[in-house]
Amino acid sequence: MPTVAAHEAFVAFMAEYTVFLAGMCADEKEKMAALGGNVLLNVEQSIAKSQANAKQLANYEQKRAILQQAAGYGGMSFRQLIAAALPQNQAGLWELFSRFEHLVLEIRFYNEKSMAIARDKMVDIDPEAVLAPSGAANPYQKLQSRQAAGGLLETKV
């Protein structure tokens, strides 16, 4: 049986994870602006930040899964997790997970816009370029497919 301490550790971690996502969102917005400008140093720095964020995101996801399991919420979507929580905790969880989902969607938006800007710049350099998706997985593709399948609050995490 999960303990109150395990639940609180999970919620505290999710709050920390949400703060990380807010920073990542700001970095993605900066990356989009850097790609729109033509200052190579800014683009390089933004891409380096983005790569570091992707690695941190993977670490956060790994830790989230462990803490979620320890709290007794393994295999549950955010919505199911909220329903399983004590009634006095549900409103706070809803607010936290709504913020989390909003940030994920905003990150995806900025990343998609950045990719469009980068593709446009590549076509400007070589109008004959055929730009097909690389098929390479990135940390946002999984989130995109989950969102398309009914939203993060319904996705088992």
C-alpha atoms as a PDB file:
ATOM      1  CA  MET A   1       0.000   0.000   0.000  1.00  0.00           C
ATOM      2  CA  PRO A   2       1.491   3.353  -0.997  1.00  0.00           C
ATOM      3  CA  THR A   3       2.191   5.791   1.772  1.00  0.00           C
ATOM      4  CA  VAL A   4       1.190   9.408   2.137  1.00  0.00           C
ATOM      5  CA  ALA A   5       4.900  10.197   1.957  1.00  0.00           C
ATOM      6  CA  ALA A   6       5.152   8.445  -1.444  1.00  0.00           C
ATOM      7  CA  HIS A   7       2.169  10.448  -2.735  1.00  0.00           C
ATOM      8  CA  GLU A   8       3.674  13.699  -1.439  1.00  0.00           C
ATOM      9  CA  ALA A   9       7.064  12.857  -2.962  1.00  0.00           C
ATOM     10  CA  PHE A  10       5.380  12.229  -6.312  1.00  0.00           C
ATOM     11  CA  VAL A  11       3.408  15.493  -6.174  1.00  0.00           C
ATOM     12  CA  ALA A  12       6.497  17.469  -5.123  1.00  0.00           C
ATOM     13  CA  PHE A  13       8.436  15.929  -7.989  1.00  0.00           C
ATOM     14  CA  MET A  14       5.670  16.743 -10.461  1.00  0.00           C
ATOM     15  CA  ALA A  15       5.741  20.364  -9.265  1.00  0.00           C
ATOM     16  CA  GLU A  16       9.516  20.391  -9.855  1.00  0.00           C
ATOM     17  CA  TYR A  17       9.012  18.742 -13.265  1.00  0.00           C
ATOM     18  CA  THR A  18       6.477  21.451 -14.152  1.00  0.00           C
ATOM     19  CA  VAL A  19       8.996  24.164 -13.235  1.00  0.00           C
ATOM     20  CA  PHE A  20      11.519  22.431 -15.503  1.00  0.00           C
ATOM     21  CA  LEU A  21       8.945  22.397 -18.321  1.00  0.00           C
ATOM     22  CA  ALA A  22       8.332  26.132 -17.833  1.00  0.00           C
ATOM     23  CA  GLY A  23      12.061  26.746 -18.309  1.00  0.00           C
ATOM     24  CA  MET A  24      12.133  24.430 -21.288  1.00  0.00           C
ATOM     25  CA  CYS A  25       9.205  26.327 -22.789  1.00  0.00           C
ATOM     26  CA  ALA A  26      11.110  29.605 -22.428  1.00  0.00           C
ATOM     27  CA  ASP A  27      14.151  27.980 -24.062  1.00  0.00           C
ATOM     28  CA  GLU A  28      12.033  26.742 -26.981  1.00  0.00           C
ATOM     29  CA  LYS A  29      10.632  30.238 -27.450  1.00  0.00           C
ATOM     30  CA  GLU A  30      14.210  31.600 -27.485  1.00  0.00           C
ATOM     31  CA  LYS A  31      15.229  28.932 -29.994  1.00  0.00           C
ATOM     32  CA  MET A  32      12.386  29.946 -32.291  1.00  0.00           C
ATOM     33  CA  ALA A  33      13.437  33.605 -32.052  1.00  0.00           C
ATOM     34  CA  ALA A  34      17.088  32.695 -32.658  1.00  0.00           C
ATOM     35  CA  LEU A  35      16.181  30.687 -35.747  1.00  0.00           C
ATOM     36  CA  GLY A  36      14.116  33.627 -36.999  1.00  0.00           C
ATOM     37  CA  GLY A  37      17.123  35.896 -36.603  1.00  0.00           C
ATOM     38  CA  ASN A  38      20.329  35.326 -38.439  1.00  0.00           C
ATOM     39  CA  VAL A  39      22.867  35.276 -35.622  1.00  0.00           C
ATOM     40  CA  LEU A  40      24.627  31.930 -35.820  1.00  0.00           C
ATOM     41  CA  LEU A  41      25.950  32.068 -32.240  1.00  0.00           C
ATOM     42  CA  ASN A  42      22.408  32.502 -30.868  1.00  0.00           C
ATOM     43  CA  VAL A  43      21.156  29.596 -32.974  1.00  0.00           C
ATOM     44  CA  GLU A  44      23.994  27.343 -31.805  1.00  0.00           C
ATOM     45  CA  GLN A  45      23.423  28.236 -28.152  1.00  0.00           C
ATOM     46  CA  SER A  46      19.685  27.665 -28.455  1.00  0.00           C
ATOM     47  CA  ILE A  47      20.162  24.289 -30.103  1.00  0.00           C
ATOM     48  CA  ALA A  48      22.667  23.242 -27.439  1.00  0.00           C
ATOM     49  CA  LYS A  49      20.152  24.231 -24.743  1.00  0.00           C
ATOM     50  CA  SER A  50      17.446  22.304 -26.545  1.00  0.00           C
ATOM     51  CA  GLN A  51      19.617  19.181 -26.682  1.00  0.00           C
ATOM     52  CA  ALA A  52      20.424  19.460 -22.977  1.00  0.00           C
ATOM     53  CA  ASN A  53      16.724  19.909 -22.211  1.00  0.00           C
ATOM     54  CA  ALA A  54      15.877  16.782 -24.194  1.00  0.00           C
ATOM     55  CA  LYS A  55      18.313  14.762 -22.070  1.00  0.00           C
ATOM     56  CA  GLN A  56      16.908  16.257 -18.871  1.00  0.00           C
ATOM     57  CA  LEU A  57      13.393  15.541 -20.084  1.00  0.00           C
ATOM     58  CA  ALA A  58      14.268  11.858 -20.466  1.00  0.00           C
ATOM     59  CA  ASN A  59      15.659  11.825 -16.925  1.00  0.00           C
ATOM     60  CA  TYR A  60      12.551  13.525 -15.544  1.00  0.00           C
ATOM     61  CA  GLU A  61      10.317  11.015 -17.318  1.00  0.00           C
ATOM     62  CA  GLN A  62      12.281   8.100 -15.919  1.00  0.00           C
ATOM     63  CA  LYS A  63      12.080   9.460 -12.376  1.00  0.00           C
ATOM     64  CA  ARG A  64       8.396  10.308 -12.802  1.00  0.00           C
ATOM     65  CA  ALA A  65       7.584   6.725 -13.744  1.00  0.00           C
ATOM     66  CA  ILE A  66       9.432   5.398 -10.679  1.00  0.00           C
ATOM     67  CA  LEU A  67       7.789   7.829  -8.259  1.00  0.00           C
ATOM     68  CA  GLN A  68       4.369   7.359  -9.824  1.00  0.00           C
ATOM     69  CA  GLN A  69       4.663   3.595  -9.356  1.00  0.00           C
ATOM     70  CA  ALA A  70       5.862   4.022  -5.760  1.00  0.00           C
ATOM     71  CA  ALA A  71       2.879   6.283  -5.025  1.00  0.00           C
ATOM     72  CA  GLY A  72       0.505   3.566  -6.253  1.00  0.00           C
ATOM     73  CA  TYR A  73      -0.403   5.308  -9.507  1.00  0.00           C
ATOM     74  CA  GLY A  74       1.500   3.044 -11.914  1.00  0.00           C
ATOM     75  CA  GLY A  75      -0.073   2.757 -15.354  1.00  0.00           C
ATOM     76  CA  MET A  76      -2.643   5.461 -14.647  1.00  0.00           C
ATOM     77  CA  SER A  77      -3.371   8.480 -16.812  1.00  0.00           C
ATOM     78  CA  PHE A  78      -3.278  11.855 -15.094  1.00  0.00           C
ATOM     79  CA  ARG A  79      -7.077  11.884 -15.020  1.00  0.00           C
ATOM     80  CA  GLN A  80      -7.187   8.430 -13.405  1.00  0.00           C
ATOM     81  CA  LEU A  81      -4.518   9.471 -10.949  1.00  0.00           C
ATOM     82  CA  ILE A  82      -6.563  12.495  -9.904  1.00  0.00           C
ATOM     83  CA  ALA A  83      -9.675  10.347  -9.462  1.00  0.00           C
ATOM     84  CA  ALA A  84      -7.712   7.865  -7.320  1.00  0.00           C
ATOM     85  CA  ALA A  85      -6.296  10.597  -5.068  1.00  0.00           C
ATOM     86  CA  LEU A  86      -7.916  11.653  -1.818  1.00  0.00           C
ATOM     87  CA  PRO A  87     -10.708  14.171  -2.436  1.00  0.00           C
ATOM     88  CA  GLN A  88      -8.862  16.954  -0.616  1.00  0.00           C
ATOM     89  CA  ASN A  89      -5.899  16.507  -3.014  1.00  0.00           C
ATOM     90  CA  GLN A  90      -7.824  16.389  -6.279  1.00  0.00           C
ATOM     91  CA  ALA A  91      -8.157  20.128  -6.950  1.00  0.00           C
ATOM     92  CA  GLY A  92      -4.449  20.741  -6.432  1.00  0.00           C
ATOM     93  CA  LEU A  93      -3.547  17.792  -8.646  1.00  0.00           C
ATOM     94  CA  TRP A  94      -5.906  18.983 -11.351  1.00  0.00           C
ATOM     95  CA  GLU A  95      -4.283  22.416 -11.311  1.00  0.00           C
ATOM     96  CA  LEU A  96      -0.770  20.927 -11.387  1.00  0.00           C
ATOM     97  CA  PHE A  97      -1.473  18.500 -14.206  1.00  0.00           C
ATOM     98  CA  SER A  98      -3.385  21.101 -16.219  1.00  0.00           C
ATOM     99  CA  ARG A  99      -0.349  23.400 -16.000  1.00  0.00           C
ATOM    100  CA  PHE A 100       1.893  20.462 -16.937  1.00  0.00           C
ATOM    101  CA  GLU A 101      -0.204  19.641 -20.000  1.00  0.00           C
ATOM    102  CA  HIS A 102      -0.387  23.304 -21.052  1.00  0.00           C
ATOM    103  CA  LEU A 103       3.406  23.593 -20.919  1.00  0.00           C
ATOM    104  CA  VAL A 104       3.870  20.414 -22.962  1.00  0.00           C
ATOM    105  CA  LEU A 105       1.526  21.773 -25.612  1.00  0.00           C
ATOM    106  CA  GLU A 106       3.307  25.131 -25.635  1.00  0.00           C
ATOM    107  CA  ILE A 107       6.711  23.432 -25.964  1.00  0.00           C
ATOM    108  CA  ARG A 108       5.385  21.398 -28.866  1.00  0.00           C
ATOM    109  CA  PHE A 109       4.015  24.551 -30.519  1.00  0.00           C
ATOM    110  CA  TYR A 110       7.337  26.408 -30.294  1.00  0.00           C
ATOM    111  CA  ASN A 111       9.260  23.353 -31.437  1.00  0.00           C
ATOM    112  CA  GLU A 112       7.013  22.886 -34.468  1.00  0.00           C
ATOM    113  CA  LYS A 113       7.380  26.565 -35.374  1.00  0.00           C
ATOM    114  CA  SER A 114      11.159  26.319 -34.953  1.00  0.00           C
ATOM    115  CA  MET A 115      11.260  23.306 -37.247  1.00  0.00           C
ATOM    116  CA  ALA A 116       9.199  25.181 -39.860  1.00  0.00           C
ATOM    117  CA  ILE A 117      11.560  28.162 -39.676  1.00  0.00           C
ATOM    118  CA  ALA A 118      14.590  25.870 -40.016  1.00  0.00           C
ATOM    119  CA  ARG A 119      13.041  24.105 -43.031  1.00  0.00           C
ATOM    120  CA  ASP A 120      12.234  27.459 -44.653  1.00  0.00           C
ATOM    121  CA  LYS A 121      15.804  28.652 -44.117  1.00  0.00           C
ATOM    122  CA  MET A 122      17.140  25.430 -45.642  1.00  0.00           C
ATOM    123  CA  VAL A 123      14.917  25.886 -48.692  1.00  0.00           C
ATOM    124  CA  ASP A 124      16.135  29.499 -48.978  1.00  0.00           C
ATOM    125  CA  ILE A 125      19.695  28.170 -49.119  1.00  0.00           C
ATOM    126  CA  ASP A 126      18.864  25.376 -51.576  1.00  0.00           C
ATOM    127  CA  PRO A 127      15.490  25.793 -53.333  1.00  0.00           C
ATOM    128  CA  GLU A 128      15.893  22.356 -54.923  1.00  0.00           C
ATOM    129  CA  ALA A 129      16.132  20.647 -51.555  1.00  0.00           C
ATOM    130  CA  VAL A 130      13.524  18.006 -50.905  1.00  0.00           C
ATOM    131  CA  LEU A 131      12.832  18.139 -47.241  1.00  0.00           C
ATOM    132  CA  ALA A 132      11.273  14.923 -46.042  1.00  0.00           C
ATOM    133  CA  PRO A 133      10.822  14.136 -42.383  1.00  0.00           C
ATOM    134  CA  SER A 134      13.883  12.355 -41.091  1.00  0.00           C
ATOM    135  CA  GLY A 135      11.877   9.799 -39.161  1.00  0.00           C
ATOM    136  CA  ALA A 136      14.223  10.278 -36.255  1.00  0.00           C
ATOM    137  CA  ALA A 137      12.488  10.187 -32.914  1.00  0.00           C
ATOM    138  CA  ASN A 138      12.630  13.294 -30.814  1.00  0.00           C
ATOM    139  CA  PRO A 139      11.253  13.912 -27.345  1.00  0.00           C
ATOM    140  CA  TYR A 140       8.270  15.798 -28.732  1.00  0.00           C
ATOM    141  CA  GLN A 141       7.035  13.147 -31.173  1.00  0.00           C
ATOM    142  CA  LYS A 142       5.889  10.883 -28.348  1.00  0.00           C
ATOM    143  CA  LEU A 143       4.038  13.775 -26.704  1.00  0.00           C
ATOM    144  CA  GLN A 144       2.498  14.721 -30.053  1.00  0.00           C
ATOM    145  CA  SER A 145       1.175  11.229 -30.654  1.00  0.00           C
ATOM    146  CA  ARG A 146      -0.225  11.066 -27.117  1.00  0.00           C
ATOM    147  CA  GLN A 147      -1.971  14.419 -27.583  1.00  0.00           C
ATOM    148  CA  ALA A 148      -3.451  13.295 -30.885  1.00  0.00           C
ATOM    149  CA  ALA A 149      -4.729  10.144 -29.176  1.00  0.00           C
ATOM    150  CA  GLY A 150      -6.898  12.049 -26.733  1.00  0.00           C
ATOM    151  CA  GLY A 151      -4.814  14.364 -24.652  1.00  0.00           C
ATOM    152  CA  LEU A 152      -2.213  13.966 -21.972  1.00  0.00           C
ATOM    153  CA  LEU A 153      -4.743  13.839 -19.189  1.00  0.00           C
ATOM    154  CA  GLU A 154      -6.116  10.641 -20.724  1.00  0.00           C
ATOM    155  CA  THR A 155      -2.717   9.144 -21.553  1.00  0.00           C
ATOM    156  CA  LYS A 156      -1.351   6.472 -19.273  1.00  0.00           C
ATOM    157  CA  VAL A 157       1.914   7.721 -17.863  1.00  0.00           C
END
